[in-house]
Structure formats: C-alpha cells, structure tokens
C-alpha cells in the first residue's frame, strides 16, 4: 500500500494532484510529511523522478508547501543532475521566507544558479532581495540591485517594491527614495507604503507624512504604517487623530494605537480603546492583547487583567513566549502570584525574559525562597541570567532578609557572569544590609562601589539607622545627605523623623527651622487609583 494511506485510491489521487497544472493545487497533494517521503520513494522505484516535471513538483512540495522541510528539499535538489531556473527559484523563495540569517541561504542558491549558467527571471530577484531585507544585508542587496539593472528586471513593480523594502530595512532611505523616483511612472500603493514605512521606522516621521499626504491612493496598510510611525515616535495625539480619520480599520489599526497608549503610560486610555475594539466585534491580535496586558500591569488593574487572561483562553490564543511573559508579569504585579505560576508552567517555551518575570513576581509578593529556587533552576536548564534577573532575585533576598544568599548572588553576578552592577543592584544590597541591621557593613559597601553613590542609598541607610537605633551614625549620614541635596524636602523629613524616634525635640526643631529658612519646596503627595 503506497504512502501508508487507507487505500491505493488515495495514493493515486495524491499523485494526480501532484501533477496538477496549477502549482497551488499541487502543493496540497500531501497532508503529512511522511506521505511526501513515501511518495518520493515510490517515484524513485518506478523511475518517475527522472521526469523533470515530477521532480520539480516534489521539490516544491518539500520547500514551499505547508509541509515545508528544507533539509529534505535540499536532498531532492542535490539529486537533480541539471536543475532548472524554476527549481532554483523554488529554493531561493523557500529560504527567503526563513527567519533570521537562514534566509541568506537563498543568496547562496542564487550565486550557484548564476555560476551554473542558469539565468534568473522576473521572479528570482524579488526573492533574493527579500532575503537581503530580512537579514539587513545592505552590501549584498546593492549587488543584487546591480544584477536587476544588468538583467533588465528593474521595470517590474514587484521587483521595485522589494528593492524599496530592502533599502528601507537597512535604513538607507536615500537609496530607497532614488529607486522610487526613478520608477515613479509605474509605482503602486505598495511602493508608496514601503517608502512611508521606511521613513517612519527611520524616525523621519515628518518626511513619512509628506509622502503619505501625496499618495494618490491609500489602503488600510498605508494608514497603519503612518499610525505606527507616529506611535513609535511617541506622537500619540497625531496617531489618534489619523486613527479617527481612517475610512476603514483592521485589527492592526487598533493594535497600533493601543500599543502607543500603553507605551506612553496612558494605560487607562489603552484599556478603554481595547474594550471599544472588542465591543465592536473585532477579535484582538496578540500585539493588542500584550499591550493591554502591559497596561494592566502598570495600573495594577487586577480585574482587567483577569478578564484579559480569560479573553485569551476564550479566543484560543496560544500562550507563546511574548504573551506568556506579559501575563506572568501582569499577574505578579497585580498580586496574583498563583496565576502567574500557572501561566509560567503552561508555557511550552520560555526565554530569559519569561524567567525574569516569574522570579520578579515571586520576589514582589514576598516569596523570596521560591524566587531563589527558580533562579538556580533557570541556570540549571541553560539560561544565562542578565542584569534584570539579578535585580529581581536581589529584591527577593532584600524583602525576605536573606543576607548570606544576597552576598552570594552579588558575588556570582560580578565574578562568574562578570556583569557590572547597576545602581539598582547596589541599592538592593544596601537595603538588604540595612534591613538586617548591618549598617557599618553597608557603609563600607557603599565606599567600595564602582559608581558614585546615589543619594537614595544614603537615605535608605538613615532609615535603617532609625529602625536599628544607630542614632549617631544616622545623624551624620542625614546631615551629609542634606548637604548633597539641600533642596530636597524629603531629606529634612528623614533626619527629623530620626530625632523624633528618640524624642530629641530640640533637634527636630532645628531641622525644621533649617527647612523653613532655606525655603525648601515641599514634596507633593500622590496616589494611584485603579481603573
């Protein structure tokens, strides 16, 4: 029985579909990788692979169908004595759709194609240019551009659009503009949109807007490109104005503005817009959900966060690295550490950001022991901690009073991983030592820092002196702190509280008089109200 299918009839139907005149139809010939490989074996045995058309179709099924297996496609390609330009195009196209640097394999096939005397056609250069665009390979892209001119395919709008995309992705907007102007007679809406997108991503938002205004015709993608450009530049009012003017919107339009509000800390507005989108019957994409979840985390809006999590479940959204990490962070900041753990455990894949979010969630919610355990587990599975990791785990040590563990982790950071501590790491160590009453050690620690101590460090020590009765040292540090920041009202309050804790009211009065005489502005209060 061929292919291991239920009947020979199914096998015959698959082989017939493989030879269908329409390539899109032929790409649906097989439903499983094993069926493709079994069909290949059958065709080899019967000698049918010597037919060029059959070999070409098998290669296409392996390289560019939903069953894509590029290693297998390369095996098929190697066994063809004289590959055709269509076979080369198939391989170049397949690699142009690969992420990261893998797409450059398409350029390798292009070079082999030329060396073997096979001339490219109008479909070849767009794929090669796409590979250069995805990998931001400007030098190779320029060489391909020269080949476009040499082989006369520069009058094809599809080729031109891929050249524009390549130069834009490499931030070479001068070259993109030159290509656009040289081909101005036949550019289309995609060409205009590529230029708008390129200038917007390069930060030249006003130039992008000038091209947007001159567009003879716009589509939703054009509008979205301009809105995203405003969003990335932090020009939220311009983004919203353009959004409100759109004749029609898609989910990407909504997502761009929601993301912009979240990034600009206008979290309540981000959530309101998300609710309006969903209320209008539009199913949110991952970018919109992640932005809304981030807004919840910033607001500590637990009810909203719970609803958003339920929304992802109801709509069958996969908890991938990005969405999973956002949900862990949100649940942790909203105090629902059990839910954060649940999401973390369900994630099929995690990166260092995922681990950092989970460790930080545990540390923030007074689960210092679990945060430490996860920190060691993270390294055990091969993830290398970064500055953010050490900030989270040191915070857990500080809040839980794990002095010895904190010392060990700080040494691990600087010695094993050779990371230069940030001011936050120094601050957490000072806080840890201060909370434990090791004031003198904390002072020596500050003196040994590789950066200039922030006044906040001394302030933390003054507060620790008050708690642990180190009044004279606290007095010295408090006066030094006022000398550092004579216009900071909180520094006077700190020293005043220190004296008040032991009822030295004369000293309290002296500090307050000094505060008034120097006309120090009072620090305004603030509050956070959940949406």
Protein backbone atom coordinates (compact mmCIF):
# COMPACT_ATOMS: atom_id res chain seq x y z
CA UNK A 1 0.00 0.00 0.00
CA UNK A 2 1.60 3.26 -1.17
CA UNK A 3 2.26 6.06 1.39
CA UNK A 4 0.75 4.03 4.23
CA UNK A 5 -2.63 5.52 3.29
CA UNK A 6 -6.01 3.86 3.68
CA UNK A 7 -6.19 2.77 0.02
CA UNK A 8 -4.42 2.84 -3.32
CA UNK A 9 -7.13 5.20 -4.44
CA UNK A 10 -5.87 7.84 -2.00
CA UNK A 11 -2.31 7.36 -3.29
CA UNK A 12 -3.39 7.73 -6.89
CA UNK A 13 -5.35 10.86 -6.00
CA UNK A 14 -2.26 12.37 -4.31
CA UNK A 15 -0.01 11.63 -7.31
CA UNK A 16 -2.63 13.05 -9.69
CA UNK A 17 -2.83 16.23 -7.62
CA UNK A 18 0.97 16.43 -7.59
CA UNK A 19 0.87 16.74 -11.39
CA UNK A 20 -1.99 19.25 -11.46
CA UNK A 21 -1.35 22.14 -13.92
CA UNK A 22 -1.87 24.64 -11.07
CA UNK A 23 1.05 24.82 -8.63
CA UNK A 24 -1.12 25.96 -5.65
CA UNK A 25 -3.28 22.87 -6.20
CA UNK A 26 -0.23 20.60 -6.46
CA UNK A 27 1.13 21.93 -3.14
CA UNK A 28 -1.89 20.36 -1.42
CA UNK A 29 -1.11 16.87 -2.71
CA UNK A 30 0.13 15.57 0.65
CA UNK A 31 -1.27 16.08 4.12
CA UNK A 32 1.69 14.68 6.10
CA UNK A 33 5.48 14.82 5.68
CA UNK A 34 5.58 11.01 5.77
CA UNK A 35 3.22 10.85 2.77
CA UNK A 36 5.54 13.10 0.78
CA UNK A 37 8.58 10.96 1.59
CA UNK A 38 6.77 7.71 0.83
CA UNK A 39 5.59 9.16 -2.48
CA UNK A 40 9.15 10.16 -3.27
CA UNK A 41 10.36 6.62 -2.56
CA UNK A 42 7.62 5.17 -4.77
CA UNK A 43 8.53 7.54 -7.64
CA UNK A 44 12.23 6.67 -7.33
CA UNK A 45 11.45 2.94 -7.53
CA UNK A 46 9.23 3.42 -10.58
CA UNK A 47 11.75 5.72 -12.24
CA UNK A 48 9.28 8.62 -12.45
CA UNK A 49 11.64 11.04 -10.67
CA UNK A 50 13.64 11.20 -13.93
CA UNK A 51 10.75 13.22 -15.29
CA UNK A 52 11.73 16.82 -14.74
CA UNK A 53 8.17 18.00 -14.11
CA UNK A 54 7.65 15.36 -11.41
CA UNK A 55 10.95 16.18 -9.68
CA UNK A 56 10.11 19.88 -9.82
CA UNK A 57 6.75 19.33 -8.16
CA UNK A 58 8.23 17.10 -5.44
CA UNK A 59 10.80 19.79 -4.70
CA UNK A 60 8.08 22.45 -4.47
CA UNK A 61 6.05 20.32 -2.03
CA UNK A 62 9.10 19.89 0.20
CA UNK A 63 10.24 23.52 0.01
CA UNK A 64 7.25 25.84 -0.14
CA UNK A 65 4.14 23.88 0.86
CA UNK A 66 2.62 23.80 4.33
CA UNK A 67 4.75 20.67 4.99
CA UNK A 68 7.96 22.63 4.48
CA UNK A 69 11.10 20.58 5.16
CA UNK A 70 14.07 22.48 3.75
CA UNK A 71 16.63 19.81 4.63
CA UNK A 72 14.61 17.28 2.66
CA UNK A 73 14.12 19.80 -0.17
CA UNK A 74 17.90 20.24 -0.38
CA UNK A 75 18.29 16.46 -0.62
CA UNK A 76 15.87 16.35 -3.55
CA UNK A 77 17.65 19.28 -5.20
CA UNK A 78 21.08 17.65 -4.91
CA UNK A 79 19.88 14.56 -6.78
CA UNK A 80 18.79 16.55 -9.84
CA UNK A 81 21.58 16.49 -12.41
CA UNK A 82 20.71 19.78 -14.13
CA UNK A 83 18.33 21.90 -12.01
CA UNK A 84 16.09 24.32 -13.92
CA UNK A 85 15.61 28.01 -13.17
CA UNK A 86 12.24 27.06 -11.65
CA UNK A 87 13.98 24.71 -9.20
CA UNK A 88 16.49 27.39 -8.26
CA UNK A 89 13.64 29.87 -7.80
CA UNK A 90 11.83 27.39 -5.56
CA UNK A 91 14.84 27.06 -3.25
CA UNK A 92 15.54 30.80 -3.25
CA UNK A 93 11.89 31.51 -2.46
CA UNK A 94 11.83 28.91 0.32
CA UNK A 95 14.84 30.41 2.11
CA UNK A 96 13.57 33.97 1.61
CA UNK A 97 10.70 33.04 3.93
CA UNK A 98 13.01 31.80 6.69
CA UNK A 99 13.62 33.84 9.85
CA UNK A 100 16.98 35.29 10.86
CA UNK A 101 20.18 34.63 8.98
CA UNK A 102 18.87 31.36 7.48
CA UNK A 103 17.31 33.39 4.71
CA UNK A 104 20.80 34.11 3.32
CA UNK A 105 20.91 30.53 2.05
CA UNK A 106 18.67 31.85 -0.70
CA UNK A 107 21.51 34.14 -1.81
CA UNK A 108 23.82 31.10 -1.89
CA UNK A 109 21.43 29.34 -4.28
CA UNK A 110 21.25 32.48 -6.40
CA UNK A 111 25.05 32.50 -6.76
CA UNK A 112 25.06 28.80 -7.65
CA UNK A 113 22.38 29.48 -10.21
CA UNK A 114 24.47 32.11 -11.96
CA UNK A 115 27.68 30.05 -11.82
CA UNK A 116 25.88 27.14 -13.47
CA UNK A 117 24.77 29.38 -16.31
CA UNK A 118 21.09 29.44 -15.39
CA UNK A 119 19.65 32.91 -16.00
CA UNK A 120 17.26 34.43 -13.44
CA UNK A 121 13.78 35.58 -14.40
CA UNK A 122 11.47 38.27 -13.00
CA UNK A 123 10.57 36.05 -10.03
CA UNK A 124 14.15 35.43 -8.93
CA UNK A 125 15.29 38.90 -7.85
CA UNK A 126 12.32 39.71 -5.58
CA UNK A 127 13.07 36.59 -3.51
CA UNK A 128 16.79 37.36 -3.29
CA UNK A 129 16.04 40.98 -2.33
CA UNK A 130 13.65 39.74 0.34
CA UNK A 131 16.44 37.62 1.84
CA UNK A 132 18.68 40.70 1.94
CA UNK A 133 15.87 42.69 3.52
CA UNK A 134 15.18 40.16 6.28
CA UNK A 135 18.88 39.87 7.14
CA UNK A 136 19.61 43.62 6.64
CA UNK A 137 22.48 42.76 4.26
CA UNK A 138 22.97 46.11 2.53
CA UNK A 139 26.16 45.21 0.61
CA UNK A 140 24.63 42.06 -0.89
CA UNK A 141 21.43 43.98 -1.56
CA UNK A 142 23.32 46.60 -3.56
CA UNK A 143 24.94 43.84 -5.64
CA UNK A 144 21.55 42.28 -6.32
CA UNK A 145 20.30 45.74 -7.33
CA UNK A 146 23.12 45.88 -9.86
CA UNK A 147 22.00 42.49 -11.22
CA UNK A 148 18.44 43.78 -11.50
CA UNK A 149 19.71 46.52 -13.79
CA UNK A 150 22.00 44.12 -15.67
CA UNK A 151 19.27 41.56 -16.37
CA UNK A 152 16.64 44.19 -17.14
CA UNK A 153 14.08 43.32 -14.48
CA UNK A 154 14.04 46.83 -12.95
CA UNK A 155 10.85 47.77 -14.77
CA UNK A 156 8.82 45.21 -12.82
CA UNK A 157 6.89 46.85 -9.97
CA UNK A 158 7.20 43.70 -7.84
CA UNK A 159 10.99 43.90 -8.14
CA UNK A 160 10.97 47.63 -7.37
CA UNK A 161 8.85 47.13 -4.25
CA UNK A 162 11.28 44.54 -2.92
CA UNK A 163 14.18 46.89 -3.59
CA UNK A 164 12.38 49.62 -1.65
CA UNK A 165 11.76 47.20 1.20
CA UNK A 166 15.41 46.10 1.21
CA UNK A 167 16.80 49.66 1.36
CA UNK A 168 14.21 50.66 3.95
CA UNK A 169 15.02 47.73 6.23
CA UNK A 170 18.70 48.72 6.02
CA UNK A 171 17.78 52.35 6.92
CA UNK A 172 19.17 53.57 3.57
CA UNK A 173 16.29 55.90 2.80
CA UNK A 174 18.31 57.99 0.34
CA UNK A 175 18.73 54.93 -1.91
CA UNK A 176 15.09 53.96 -1.41
CA UNK A 177 13.98 57.43 -2.41
CA UNK A 178 16.19 57.34 -5.53
CA UNK A 179 14.74 53.99 -6.62
CA UNK A 180 11.23 55.32 -6.03
CA UNK A 181 11.80 58.48 -8.07
CA UNK A 182 13.48 56.61 -10.93
CA UNK A 183 10.46 54.30 -11.15
CA UNK A 184 7.79 56.90 -10.39
CA UNK A 185 5.93 56.16 -13.63
CA UNK A 186 4.80 52.70 -12.54
CA UNK A 187 4.98 52.60 -8.74
CA UNK A 188 1.84 51.44 -6.94
CA UNK A 189 0.28 51.77 -3.49
CA UNK A 190 2.71 49.16 -2.13
CA UNK A 191 5.65 51.27 -3.31
CA UNK A 192 4.31 54.39 -1.61
CA UNK A 193 3.59 52.43 1.57
CA UNK A 194 7.11 50.99 1.60
CA UNK A 195 8.55 54.49 1.50
CA UNK A 196 6.20 55.76 4.23
CA UNK A 197 7.05 52.75 6.42
CA UNK A 198 10.79 53.13 5.82
CA UNK A 199 10.90 56.80 6.78
CA UNK A 200 8.66 56.21 9.78
CA UNK A 201 10.89 53.41 11.11
CA UNK A 202 13.97 55.55 10.49
CA UNK A 203 12.46 58.24 12.72
CA UNK A 204 11.86 60.75 9.90
CA UNK A 205 8.17 60.90 10.68
CA UNK A 206 7.55 64.27 9.01
CA UNK A 207 9.08 63.04 5.73
CA UNK A 208 6.93 59.93 6.02
CA UNK A 209 3.85 62.13 6.46
CA UNK A 210 4.76 64.20 3.39
CA UNK A 211 4.77 61.03 1.26
CA UNK A 212 1.60 59.81 2.93
CA UNK A 213 -0.16 63.08 2.06
CA UNK A 214 0.96 62.81 -1.58
CA UNK A 215 -0.22 59.23 -2.06
CA UNK A 216 -2.65 59.04 -5.00
CA UNK A 217 -4.37 56.10 -3.34
CA UNK A 218 -4.21 54.64 0.15
CA UNK A 219 -5.22 51.34 1.66
CA UNK A 220 -5.53 50.17 5.27
CA UNK A 221 -1.86 49.15 5.30
CA UNK A 222 -0.82 52.68 4.29
CA UNK A 223 -2.82 54.20 7.13
CA UNK A 224 -1.47 51.64 9.59
CA UNK A 225 2.11 52.39 8.55
CA UNK A 226 1.63 56.08 9.29
CA UNK A 227 -0.15 55.45 12.58
CA UNK A 228 2.60 53.03 13.67
CA UNK A 229 5.19 55.67 12.76
CA UNK A 230 3.51 58.25 14.97
CA UNK A 231 3.19 55.66 17.73
CA UNK A 232 6.89 54.76 17.61
CA UNK A 233 7.75 58.47 17.76
CA UNK A 234 5.55 58.93 20.83
CA UNK A 235 3.22 61.32 18.99
CA UNK A 236 0.07 59.81 20.39
CA UNK A 237 -2.25 62.71 19.58
CA UNK A 238 -1.24 62.58 15.89
CA UNK A 239 -1.65 58.80 15.85
CA UNK A 240 -5.12 59.06 17.38
CA UNK A 241 -6.15 61.85 15.02
CA UNK A 242 -5.16 59.76 12.00
CA UNK A 243 -6.86 56.71 13.50
CA UNK A 244 -10.13 58.63 13.87
CA UNK A 245 -9.87 59.79 10.24
CA UNK A 246 -9.48 56.28 8.77
CA UNK A 247 -12.23 55.32 6.31
CA UNK A 248 -11.88 51.70 7.43
CA UNK A 249 -9.83 49.91 10.07
CA UNK A 250 -8.50 46.43 10.69
CA UNK A 251 -7.18 44.86 13.87
CA UNK A 252 -3.67 46.17 13.15
CA UNK A 253 -5.03 49.74 13.16
CA UNK A 254 -6.50 49.28 16.62
CA UNK A 255 -3.43 47.43 17.85
CA UNK A 256 -1.06 50.24 16.78
CA UNK A 257 -2.92 52.89 18.78
CA UNK A 258 -3.49 50.65 21.80
CA UNK A 259 0.25 49.86 21.85
CA UNK A 260 1.06 53.54 21.57
CA UNK A 261 -1.13 54.42 24.57
CA UNK A 262 0.43 51.63 26.64
CA UNK A 263 4.00 52.66 25.74
CA UNK A 264 3.24 56.30 26.57
CA UNK A 265 1.92 55.28 30.02
CA UNK A 266 -1.64 56.29 29.05
CA UNK A 267 -2.80 52.91 30.29
CA UNK A 268 -6.41 53.75 31.11
CA UNK A 269 -6.94 55.02 27.56
CA UNK A 270 -5.26 51.88 26.14
CA UNK A 271 -7.73 49.68 28.03
CA UNK A 272 -10.71 51.81 27.06
CA UNK A 273 -9.75 51.55 23.39
CA UNK A 274 -9.21 47.80 23.70
CA UNK A 275 -12.69 47.44 25.18
CA UNK A 276 -14.15 49.55 22.35
CA UNK A 277 -12.41 47.35 19.76
CA UNK A 278 -13.69 44.11 21.28
CA UNK A 279 -17.15 45.63 21.74
CA UNK A 280 -17.19 46.36 18.01
CA UNK A 281 -16.79 42.68 17.21
CA UNK A 282 -13.11 42.76 16.29
CA UNK A 283 -11.03 39.87 17.63
CA UNK A 284 -7.80 41.25 19.06
CA UNK A 285 -4.44 40.07 17.77
CA UNK A 286 -1.54 39.15 20.03
CA UNK A 287 0.06 42.61 19.83
CA UNK A 288 -3.12 44.31 21.06
CA UNK A 289 -3.58 41.80 23.90
CA UNK A 290 0.05 42.10 25.01
CA UNK A 291 -0.25 45.91 25.04
CA UNK A 292 -3.49 45.75 27.04
CA UNK A 293 -1.93 43.26 29.49
CA UNK A 294 1.05 45.59 29.87
CA UNK A 295 -1.33 48.46 30.63
CA UNK A 296 -3.00 46.33 33.33
CA UNK A 297 0.40 45.59 34.85
CA UNK A 298 1.28 49.28 35.00
CA UNK A 299 -2.06 50.15 36.60
CA UNK A 300 -2.12 47.09 38.86
CA UNK A 301 -5.64 46.62 37.47
CA UNK A 302 -6.25 43.05 38.64
CA UNK A 303 -9.88 42.74 37.48
CA UNK A 304 -8.99 43.91 33.99
CA UNK A 305 -6.04 41.54 33.97
CA UNK A 306 -8.20 38.56 34.92
CA UNK A 307 -10.70 39.45 32.18
CA UNK A 308 -7.92 39.76 29.59
CA UNK A 309 -6.50 36.39 30.55
CA UNK A 310 -9.94 34.83 30.17
CA UNK A 311 -10.26 36.58 26.80
CA UNK A 312 -7.09 34.86 25.53
CA UNK A 313 -8.43 31.47 26.62
CA UNK A 314 -11.88 32.02 25.09
CA UNK A 315 -10.33 33.04 21.76
CA UNK A 316 -7.88 30.14 21.67
CA UNK A 317 -4.76 32.29 21.72
CA UNK A 318 -1.52 30.33 22.12
CA UNK A 319 0.45 31.23 25.23
CA UNK A 320 3.75 31.78 23.43
CA UNK A 321 6.85 33.45 24.87
CA UNK A 322 5.68 37.04 24.36
CA UNK A 323 2.09 36.69 25.55
CA UNK A 324 3.00 34.26 28.34
CA UNK A 325 5.71 36.55 29.69
CA UNK A 326 3.33 39.52 29.63
CA UNK A 327 0.67 37.56 31.54
CA UNK A 328 3.17 36.37 34.15
CA UNK A 329 4.39 39.93 34.67
CA UNK A 330 0.85 41.29 34.91
CA UNK A 331 -0.41 38.67 37.37
CA UNK A 332 2.69 39.15 39.51
CA UNK A 333 2.34 42.92 39.67
CA UNK A 334 -1.36 42.56 40.48
CA UNK A 335 -0.51 40.28 43.40
CA UNK A 336 -1.92 37.06 41.90
CA UNK A 337 1.26 35.02 42.11
CA UNK A 338 -0.62 31.68 41.89
CA UNK A 339 -1.98 32.66 38.48
CA UNK A 340 1.47 33.83 37.40
CA UNK A 341 2.90 30.42 38.32
CA UNK A 342 0.06 28.69 36.46
CA UNK A 343 0.78 30.62 33.24
CA UNK A 344 4.52 30.10 33.58
CA UNK A 345 4.09 26.34 33.95
CA UNK A 346 1.83 26.19 30.88
CA UNK A 347 4.31 27.98 28.62
CA UNK A 348 5.73 25.48 26.09
CA UNK A 349 8.78 27.67 25.57
CA UNK A 350 10.47 30.26 27.80
CA UNK A 351 13.26 32.76 27.32
CA UNK A 352 15.28 34.74 29.85
CA UNK A 353 12.55 37.41 29.99
CA UNK A 354 9.99 34.76 30.98
CA UNK A 355 12.18 33.54 33.83
CA UNK A 356 12.89 37.13 34.92
CA UNK A 357 9.19 37.93 35.07
CA UNK A 358 8.43 34.86 37.16
CA UNK A 359 11.32 35.48 39.55
CA UNK A 360 10.31 39.14 39.90
CA UNK A 361 6.68 38.14 40.55
CA UNK A 362 7.74 35.82 43.35
CA UNK A 363 10.10 38.40 44.84
CA UNK A 364 7.50 41.17 44.67
CA UNK A 365 4.96 39.03 46.51
CA UNK A 366 7.25 38.03 49.40
CA UNK A 367 8.09 34.58 48.04
CA UNK A 368 11.83 35.07 48.34
CA UNK A 369 12.66 31.41 48.88
CA UNK A 370 10.78 30.36 45.74
CA UNK A 371 12.40 33.19 43.77
CA UNK A 372 15.83 31.91 44.79
CA UNK A 373 14.89 28.35 43.88
CA UNK A 374 13.69 29.46 40.44
CA UNK A 375 16.89 31.47 39.96
CA UNK A 376 19.01 28.33 40.39
CA UNK A 377 16.59 26.28 38.29
CA UNK A 378 16.84 28.83 35.48
CA UNK A 379 20.60 28.33 35.28
CA UNK A 380 20.18 24.57 35.51
CA UNK A 381 18.19 24.48 32.25
CA UNK A 382 20.77 26.56 30.42
CA UNK A 383 19.51 30.15 30.62
CA UNK A 384 22.14 32.76 31.48
CA UNK A 385 20.89 35.41 33.94
CA UNK A 386 21.22 39.07 32.97
CA UNK A 387 21.07 42.37 34.87
CA UNK A 388 17.27 42.16 35.14
CA UNK A 389 17.49 38.68 36.62
CA UNK A 390 19.85 39.83 39.36
CA UNK A 391 17.66 42.85 40.10
CA UNK A 392 14.69 40.53 40.66
CA UNK A 393 16.47 37.93 42.78
CA UNK A 394 18.31 40.51 44.91
CA UNK A 395 14.97 42.21 45.52
CA UNK A 396 13.62 38.88 46.76
CA UNK A 397 16.61 38.49 49.10
CA UNK A 398 16.16 42.02 50.42
CA UNK A 399 12.45 41.64 51.14
CA UNK A 400 12.95 38.21 52.75
CA UNK A 401 16.06 39.09 54.76
CA UNK A 402 18.33 36.54 53.04
CA UNK A 403 21.62 38.29 53.79
CA UNK A 404 24.05 35.45 53.09
CA UNK A 405 22.20 34.47 49.91
CA UNK A 406 22.25 38.09 48.77
CA UNK A 407 26.01 38.32 49.25
CA UNK A 408 26.45 35.07 47.32
CA UNK A 409 24.28 36.22 44.42
CA UNK A 410 26.01 39.61 44.19
CA UNK A 411 29.38 37.83 44.03
CA UNK A 412 28.02 35.43 41.39
CA UNK A 413 26.90 38.39 39.31
CA UNK A 414 30.24 40.18 39.36
CA UNK A 415 32.64 37.21 39.40
CA UNK A 416 31.08 34.32 37.46
CA UNK A 417 28.95 36.29 34.99
CA UNK A 418 31.21 39.39 35.03
CA UNK A 419 28.27 41.81 34.93
CA UNK A 420 28.95 45.38 36.02
CA UNK A 421 26.37 46.18 38.71
CA UNK A 422 23.79 48.89 38.04
CA UNK A 423 22.81 51.43 40.68
CA UNK A 424 19.72 49.26 41.37
CA UNK A 425 21.91 46.28 42.35
CA UNK A 426 23.99 48.40 44.71
CA UNK A 427 20.81 49.87 46.16
CA UNK A 428 19.29 46.45 46.81
CA UNK A 429 22.44 45.26 48.57
CA UNK A 430 22.49 48.37 50.76
CA UNK A 431 18.80 47.87 51.52
CA UNK A 432 19.43 44.20 52.37
CA UNK A 433 22.27 45.02 54.75
CA UNK A 434 20.39 47.97 56.25
CA UNK A 435 17.24 45.93 56.93
CA UNK A 436 19.40 43.33 58.67
CA UNK A 437 20.97 45.98 60.90
CA UNK A 438 24.40 45.64 59.28
CA UNK A 439 24.73 49.41 58.97
CA UNK A 440 28.52 49.62 59.24
CA UNK A 441 28.94 46.90 56.59
CA UNK A 442 26.52 48.79 54.35
CA UNK A 443 28.61 51.99 54.72
CA UNK A 444 31.77 50.08 53.75
CA UNK A 445 29.91 48.50 50.85
CA UNK A 446 28.93 51.95 49.54
CA UNK A 447 32.51 53.18 49.84
CA UNK A 448 33.66 50.25 47.67
CA UNK A 449 31.17 50.90 44.86
CA UNK A 450 32.46 51.43 41.33
CA UNK A 451 29.97 54.22 40.67
CA UNK A 452 29.09 57.42 42.50
CA UNK A 453 26.58 56.58 45.27
CA UNK A 454 23.09 57.86 44.63
CA UNK A 455 21.68 59.99 47.49
CA UNK A 456 18.88 57.46 47.78
CA UNK A 457 21.39 54.92 49.10
CA UNK A 458 22.34 57.20 51.98
CA UNK A 459 18.65 57.87 52.58
CA UNK A 460 17.98 54.13 52.87
CA UNK A 461 20.75 53.89 55.45
CA UNK A 462 19.38 56.79 57.50
CA UNK A 463 16.02 54.98 57.60
CA UNK A 464 17.82 51.78 58.65
CA UNK A 465 19.66 53.69 61.39
CA UNK A 466 16.30 54.83 62.77
CA UNK A 467 14.96 51.27 62.83
CA UNK A 468 18.05 49.77 64.47
CA UNK A 469 18.88 52.60 66.87
CA UNK A 470 22.11 53.75 65.19
CA UNK A 471 21.25 57.36 66.00
CA UNK A 472 24.68 59.00 65.88
CA UNK A 473 25.60 57.36 62.59
CA UNK A 474 22.14 58.23 61.24
CA UNK A 475 22.67 61.84 62.33
CA UNK A 476 25.98 62.03 60.43
CA UNK A 477 24.53 60.42 57.32
CA UNK A 478 21.38 62.58 57.49
CA UNK A 479 23.38 65.82 57.65
CA UNK A 480 25.61 64.64 54.80
CA UNK A 481 22.51 63.81 52.77
CA UNK A 482 21.11 67.33 53.29
CA UNK A 483 24.42 68.76 52.11
CA UNK A 484 24.13 66.64 48.97
CA UNK A 485 20.54 67.68 48.25
CA UNK A 486 19.75 70.89 50.19
CA UNK A 487 16.59 71.49 48.14
CA UNK A 488 15.07 68.03 48.68
CA UNK A 489 12.36 68.26 51.35
CA UNK A 490 12.33 64.52 51.96
CA UNK A 491 15.92 64.62 53.27
CA UNK A 492 14.96 67.00 56.07
CA UNK A 493 11.94 64.87 56.93
CA UNK A 494 14.16 61.80 57.17
CA UNK A 495 16.52 63.39 59.67
CA UNK A 496 13.63 64.93 61.60
CA UNK A 497 11.96 61.52 61.93
CA UNK A 498 15.22 60.05 63.17
CA UNK A 499 15.41 62.58 66.03
CA UNK A 500 11.69 62.25 66.77
CA UNK A 501 12.05 58.47 67.19
CA UNK A 502 14.14 59.10 70.35
CA UNK A 503 12.24 62.26 71.37
CA UNK A 504 15.08 64.71 70.73
CA UNK A 505 12.60 67.50 70.08
CA UNK A 506 15.18 70.29 70.12
CA UNK A 507 16.99 68.63 67.23
CA UNK A 508 13.68 68.12 65.45
CA UNK A 509 13.00 71.85 65.77
CA UNK A 510 16.48 72.72 64.44
CA UNK A 511 15.94 70.58 61.34
CA UNK A 512 12.51 72.09 60.71
CA UNK A 513 13.84 75.65 61.16
CA UNK A 514 16.61 74.91 58.67
CA UNK A 515 13.97 73.60 56.24
CA UNK A 516 11.94 76.82 56.55
CA UNK A 517 14.92 79.21 56.41
CA UNK A 518 16.20 77.63 53.21
CA UNK A 519 12.70 77.84 51.68
CA UNK A 520 12.82 74.21 50.57
CA UNK A 521 9.79 73.25 48.46
CA UNK A 522 7.56 70.54 49.92
CA UNK A 523 7.38 67.27 48.04
CA UNK A 524 3.82 66.84 46.71
CA UNK A 525 1.92 63.68 47.61
CA UNK A 526 0.49 61.28 45.01
CA UNK A 527 -1.83 58.30 44.77
CA UNK A 528 -2.65 55.50 42.39
CA UNK A 529 -6.28 54.78 41.62
CA UNK A 530 -7.16 51.53 39.88
CA UNK A 531 -9.16 51.91 36.69
